[in-house]
Structure formats: structure tokens, C-alpha cells
C-alpha atoms as a PDB file:
ATOM      1  CA  MET A   1       8.129  20.177  17.824  1.00  0.00           C
ATOM      2  CA  LYS A   2       7.046  19.156  21.320  1.00  0.00           C
ATOM      3  CA  LYS A   3       3.641  20.768  20.775  1.00  0.00           C
ATOM      4  CA  LEU A   4       2.956  18.240  17.985  1.00  0.00           C
ATOM      5  CA  LEU A   5       3.625  15.252  20.240  1.00  0.00           C
ATOM      6  CA  THR A   6       0.096  14.605  21.450  1.00  0.00           C
ATOM      7  CA  LEU A   7      -1.771  11.342  21.869  1.00  0.00           C
ATOM      8  CA  GLY A   8      -4.002  12.151  18.892  1.00  0.00           C
ATOM      9  CA  ASN A   9      -1.002  12.735  16.640  1.00  0.00           C
ATOM     10  CA  VAL A  10       0.628   9.488  17.773  1.00  0.00           C
ATOM     11  CA  VAL A  11      -2.581   7.635  16.873  1.00  0.00           C
ATOM     12  CA  LYS A  12      -2.608   9.420  13.493  1.00  0.00           C
ATOM     13  CA  ALA A  13       0.995   8.329  12.950  1.00  0.00           C
ATOM     14  CA  CYS A  14      -0.080   4.738  13.594  1.00  0.00           C
ATOM     15  CA  ALA A  15      -2.895   5.214  11.077  1.00  0.00           C
ATOM     16  CA  VAL A  16      -0.400   6.444   8.479  1.00  0.00           C
ATOM     17  CA  LEU A  17       1.815   3.431   9.184  1.00  0.00           C
ATOM     18  CA  PHE A  18      -1.133   1.037   8.790  1.00  0.00           C
ATOM     19  CA  ALA A  19      -2.153   2.715   5.520  1.00  0.00           C
ATOM     20  CA  LEU A  20       1.372   2.518   4.112  1.00  0.00           C
ATOM     21  CA  VAL A  21       1.737  -1.154   5.059  1.00  0.00           C
ATOM     22  CA  ALA A  22      -1.654  -1.849   3.453  1.00  0.00           C
ATOM     23  CA  PHE A  23      -0.511  -0.110   0.279  1.00  0.00           C
ATOM     24  CA  PHE A  24       2.791  -1.978   0.103  1.00  0.00           C
ATOM     25  CA  LEU A  25       0.992  -5.313   0.533  1.00  0.00           C
ATOM     26  CA  MET A  26      -0.076  -4.745  -3.064  1.00  0.00           C
ATOM     27  CA  PHE A  27       3.445  -5.845  -4.008  1.00  0.00           C
ATOM     28  CA  SER A  28       3.274  -9.203  -2.172  1.00  0.00           C
ATOM     29  CA  ASP A  29       3.125 -12.399  -4.216  1.00  0.00           C
ATOM     30  CA  GLN A  30       3.335 -15.400  -1.956  1.00  0.00           C
ATOM     31  CA  LEU A  31       0.295 -14.848   0.274  1.00  0.00           C
ATOM     32  CA  TYR A  32      -2.518 -17.283  -0.514  1.00  0.00           C
ATOM     33  CA  ALA A  33      -5.526 -18.964   1.034  1.00  0.00           C
ATOM     34  CA  GLU A  34      -6.527 -22.597   0.656  1.00  0.00           C
ATOM     35  CA  LEU A  35      -9.983 -24.024   1.259  1.00  0.00           C
ATOM     36  CA  LEU A  36     -11.106 -27.582   0.540  1.00  0.00           C
ATOM     37  CA  GLY A  37      -8.038 -28.289  -1.551  1.00  0.00           C
ATOM     38  CA  ASN A  38      -8.468 -25.248  -3.792  1.00  0.00           C
ATOM     39  CA  ARG A  39      -5.864 -22.513  -3.663  1.00  0.00           C
ATOM     40  CA  ALA A  40      -6.575 -18.862  -4.402  1.00  0.00           C
ATOM     41  CA  TYR A  41      -3.864 -16.255  -4.578  1.00  0.00           C
ATOM     42  CA  VAL A  42      -3.204 -12.847  -6.042  1.00  0.00           C
ATOM     43  CA  LYS A  43       0.053 -12.061  -7.793  1.00  0.00           C
ATOM     44  CA  PHE A  44       1.688  -8.647  -7.865  1.00  0.00           C
ATOM     45  CA  ASP A  45       0.629  -7.834 -11.413  1.00  0.00           C
ATOM     46  CA  ASP A  46      -3.002  -8.795 -10.700  1.00  0.00           C
ATOM     47  CA  ALA A  47      -3.458  -5.488  -8.895  1.00  0.00           C
ATOM     48  CA  PHE A  48      -2.624  -3.607 -12.059  1.00  0.00           C
ATOM     49  CA  PHE A  49      -4.177  -3.489 -15.504  1.00  0.00           C
ATOM     50  CA  SER A  50      -2.906  -6.858 -16.768  1.00  0.00           C
ATOM     51  CA  ASP A  51      -4.889  -9.661 -18.400  1.00  0.00           C
ATOM     52  CA  ASN A  52      -6.323 -10.907 -15.109  1.00  0.00           C
ATOM     53  CA  GLY A  53      -5.920  -7.545 -13.438  1.00  0.00           C
ATOM     54  CA  ALA A  54      -8.398  -5.942 -11.147  1.00  0.00           C
ATOM     55  CA  PRO A  55      -8.311  -2.186 -11.784  1.00  0.00           C
ATOM     56  CA  ILE A  56     -10.790  -1.644  -8.960  1.00  0.00           C
ATOM     57  CA  SER A  57      -8.278  -3.055  -6.484  1.00  0.00           C
ATOM     58  CA  PHE A  58      -5.597  -0.712  -7.805  1.00  0.00           C
ATOM     59  CA  VAL A  59      -7.995   2.161  -7.159  1.00  0.00           C
ATOM     60  CA  GLY A  60      -8.499   0.781  -3.636  1.00  0.00           C
ATOM     61  CA  TYR A  61      -4.780   0.663  -2.942  1.00  0.00           C
ATOM     62  CA  LEU A  62      -4.419   4.164  -4.385  1.00  0.00           C
ATOM     63  CA  LEU A  63      -7.225   5.475  -2.141  1.00  0.00           C
ATOM     64  CA  VAL A  64      -5.504   3.982   0.896  1.00  0.00           C
ATOM     65  CA  LEU A  65      -2.182   5.581  -0.055  1.00  0.00           C
ATOM     66  CA  ILE A  66      -3.656   9.017  -0.768  1.00  0.00           C
ATOM     67  CA  ALA A  67      -5.769   9.031   2.401  1.00  0.00           C
ATOM     68  CA  GLY A  68      -2.801   7.870   4.493  1.00  0.00           C
ATOM     69  CA  LEU A  69      -0.586  10.634   3.154  1.00  0.00           C
ATOM     70  CA  ALA A  70      -3.388  13.173   3.680  1.00  0.00           C
ATOM     71  CA  VAL A  71      -3.626  12.100   7.335  1.00  0.00           C
ATOM     72  CA  CYS A  72       0.100  12.760   7.625  1.00  0.00           C
ATOM     73  CA  ALA A  73      -0.343  16.239   6.144  1.00  0.00           C
ATOM     74  CA  LEU A  74      -3.365  16.924   8.358  1.00  0.00           C
ATOM     75  CA  VAL A  75      -1.153  16.940  11.441  1.00  0.00           C
ATOM     76  CA  PHE A  76       0.806  19.932  10.189  1.00  0.00           C
ATOM     77  CA  LEU A  77      -2.067  22.040   8.827  1.00  0.00           C
ATOM     78  CA  PRO A  78      -3.304  24.853  11.088  1.00  0.00           C
ATOM     79  CA  LEU A  79      -7.068  24.260  10.836  1.00  0.00           C
ATOM     80  CA  GLU A  80      -9.845  24.856  13.316  1.00  0.00           C
ATOM     81  CA  ALA A  81     -11.098  21.874  15.310  1.00  0.00           C
ATOM     82  CA  LYS A  82     -14.448  21.382  13.536  1.00  0.00           C
ATOM     83  CA  LEU A  83     -12.861  21.403  10.098  1.00  0.00           C
ATOM     84  CA  LYS A  84     -10.148  18.957  11.214  1.00  0.00           C
ATOM     85  CA  LYS A  85     -12.789  16.562  12.552  1.00  0.00           C
ATOM     86  CA  PHE A  86     -14.757  16.793   9.303  1.00  0.00           C
ATOM     87  CA  ILE A  87     -11.665  16.169   7.178  1.00  0.00           C
ATOM     88  CA  SER A  88     -10.589  13.288   9.426  1.00  0.00           C
ATOM     89  CA  PHE A  89     -13.991  11.671   9.084  1.00  0.00           C
ATOM     90  CA  GLY A  90     -13.787  12.035   5.282  1.00  0.00           C
ATOM     91  CA  LEU A  91     -10.323  10.457   5.232  1.00  0.00           C
ATOM     92  CA  ALA A  92     -11.588   7.586   7.382  1.00  0.00           C
ATOM     93  CA  VAL A  93     -14.398   6.999   4.881  1.00  0.00           C
ATOM     94  CA  LEU A  94     -11.839   6.957   2.050  1.00  0.00           C
ATOM     95  CA  LEU A  95      -9.716   4.410   3.930  1.00  0.00           C
ATOM     96  CA  VAL A  96     -12.698   2.109   4.513  1.00  0.00           C
ATOM     97  CA  LEU A  97     -13.819   2.522   0.887  1.00  0.00           C
ATOM     98  CA  GLY A  98     -10.301   1.607  -0.228  1.00  0.00           C
ATOM     99  CA  ALA A  99     -10.472  -1.480   1.999  1.00  0.00           C
ATOM    100  CA  VAL A 100     -13.732  -2.548   0.347  1.00  0.00           C
ATOM    101  CA  PHE A 101     -12.130  -2.202  -3.100  1.00  0.00           C
ATOM    102  CA  ILE A 102      -9.134  -4.225  -1.894  1.00  0.00           C
ATOM    103  CA  PHE A 103     -11.429  -6.980  -0.622  1.00  0.00           C
ATOM    104  CA  ILE A 104     -12.981  -7.204  -4.105  1.00  0.00           C
ATOM    105  CA  GLU A 105      -9.573  -7.880  -5.713  1.00  0.00           C
ATOM    106  CA  ALA A 106      -9.285 -11.617  -5.178  1.00  0.00           C
ATOM    107  CA  ALA A 107     -12.899 -12.250  -6.178  1.00  0.00           C
ATOM    108  CA  VAL A 108     -12.236 -10.552  -9.520  1.00  0.00           C
ATOM    109  CA  VAL A 109      -8.901 -12.304 -10.121  1.00  0.00           C
ATOM    110  CA  ASN A 110     -10.018 -15.765  -8.948  1.00  0.00           C
ATOM    111  CA  GLY A 111     -13.594 -15.435 -10.163  1.00  0.00           C
ATOM    112  CA  ASP A 112     -14.322 -18.975 -11.268  1.00  0.00           C
ATOM    113  CA  SER A 113     -12.384 -20.961  -8.676  1.00  0.00           C
ATOM    114  CA  ASN A 114     -14.127 -22.784  -5.866  1.00  0.00           C
ATOM    115  CA  ALA A 115     -11.600 -21.493  -3.378  1.00  0.00           C
ATOM    116  CA  TYR A 116     -12.414 -18.887  -0.808  1.00  0.00           C
ATOM    117  CA  HIS A 117     -12.115 -15.709  -2.837  1.00  0.00           C
ATOM    118  CA  LEU A 118     -10.263 -13.565  -0.328  1.00  0.00           C
ATOM    119  CA  THR A 119      -6.567 -14.320  -0.201  1.00  0.00           C
ATOM    120  CA  ALA A 120      -4.219 -13.440   2.630  1.00  0.00           C
ATOM    121  CA  GLY A 121      -2.667 -10.329   1.044  1.00  0.00           C
ATOM    122  CA  PRO A 122      -5.917  -8.451   0.395  1.00  0.00           C
ATOM    123  CA  ILE A 123      -7.362  -9.601   3.730  1.00  0.00           C
ATOM    124  CA  ILE A 124      -4.417  -8.190   5.681  1.00  0.00           C
ATOM    125  CA  ALA A 125      -4.332  -5.002   3.582  1.00  0.00           C
ATOM    126  CA  GLY A 126      -8.068  -4.447   3.993  1.00  0.00           C
ATOM    127  CA  ILE A 127      -7.965  -4.997   7.744  1.00  0.00           C
ATOM    128  CA  LEU A 128      -5.043  -2.583   8.096  1.00  0.00           C
ATOM    129  CA  ALA A 129      -6.880   0.030   6.024  1.00  0.00           C
ATOM    130  CA  ILE A 130      -9.982  -0.312   8.210  1.00  0.00           C
ATOM    131  CA  LEU A 131      -7.843  -0.033  11.359  1.00  0.00           C
ATOM    132  CA  ALA A 132      -6.247   3.103   9.904  1.00  0.00           C
ATOM    133  CA  GLY A 133      -9.693   4.592   9.293  1.00  0.00           C
ATOM    134  CA  ILE A 134     -10.783   3.827  12.845  1.00  0.00           C
ATOM    135  CA  ALA A 135      -7.563   5.323  14.207  1.00  0.00           C
ATOM    136  CA  VAL A 136      -8.061   8.539  12.223  1.00  0.00           C
ATOM    137  CA  CYS A 137     -11.570   8.971  13.630  1.00  0.00           C
ATOM    138  CA  LEU A 138     -10.464   8.066  17.143  1.00  0.00           C
ATOM    139  CA  ALA A 139      -7.561  10.514  17.077  1.00  0.00           C
ATOM    140  CA  GLU A 140      -9.863  13.509  16.706  1.00  0.00           C
ATOM    141  CA  PHE A 141     -11.748  12.667  19.893  1.00  0.00           C
ATOM    142  CA  LEU A 142      -8.682  12.217  22.103  1.00  0.00           C
ATOM    143  CA  PRO A 143      -7.623  15.117  24.324  1.00  0.00           C
ATOM    144  CA  GLU A 144      -4.955  17.419  22.876  1.00  0.00           C
ATOM    145  CA  LYS A 145      -2.671  17.046  25.867  1.00  0.00           C
ATOM    146  CA  GLN A 146       1.052  17.074  25.119  1.00  0.00           C
ATOM    147  CA  LEU A 147       2.902  13.873  25.961  1.00  0.00           C
ATOM    148  CA  VAL A 148       6.245  15.612  26.568  1.00  0.00           C
ATOM    149  CA  LYS A 149       6.630  18.940  28.375  1.00  0.00           C
END
């Protein structure tokens, strides 16, 4: 177990944590943004296939969850270095793509309001997904030195 405790794996663990927090922000209701007296917010059921739902945002949250769990599994797979870097880059692209879909959510739900179309929940989730993608890429370029001997 000590051989898995490297700086790169700790950064990957942080990426998984960011991705999971971004996914669970889908279930938040009370986060809203207000601009010039107009309030825009996204309710929990707006991320699903309801009347005002944004299916593209659900796909974004799903991409973030799947990529985050794949990063977790990547730590335990015995792959060669080049293949791990390629897979990590692909997972980072999926995380950023999921963040873009999450950013679209509030614009779809609050389409006709004059309020700023990004609400606090999708903003925080998108930023965390982008940070997770950056962390996944960064982890592959860190030295594989064990932290504990």
C-alpha cells in the first residue's frame, strides 16, 4: 500500500474528490445568483428530464462522475506510463467537457430571464470539474517518488 502513496496519486485523489463534489452539487437547490434585481437559480429537478429540465446538464454531471471514478480506478491499474498519460489526458478532456455542459444548464433553465444565466451551483460545479481535469493532467507529470518509506 505504501507504494501507491505518491504525490501523483495524492493529486489524483484530490481530482476524484473535486469531481465527486461537482457531481453532488447537482442536488443543491438554494444556490442562486442575482444581477440587477433579477434572480436566476437552478432547482434540483432542473438537472433532470423535467418540464424545465436541461438534459445536457445531466449528461455533464454524468460525464464528471464517470471520469472521476475512472481516475480513481486508474490508480490501481497496472499500465505502462505512456498509456496512463494518454488515458489521463482523455479523462481530463471529459472532465472539462462535462464542465462546459454544466455551465450550459442555467442558460437553458433560465433562458428568457434578464438575470445572469450562470447560477452559483453550476458555477461551483463547473470550476471544480475543471480543477479536477487540471489535477489529472498535472498528476501524470509529477515524479513517482513515494511519500512514505
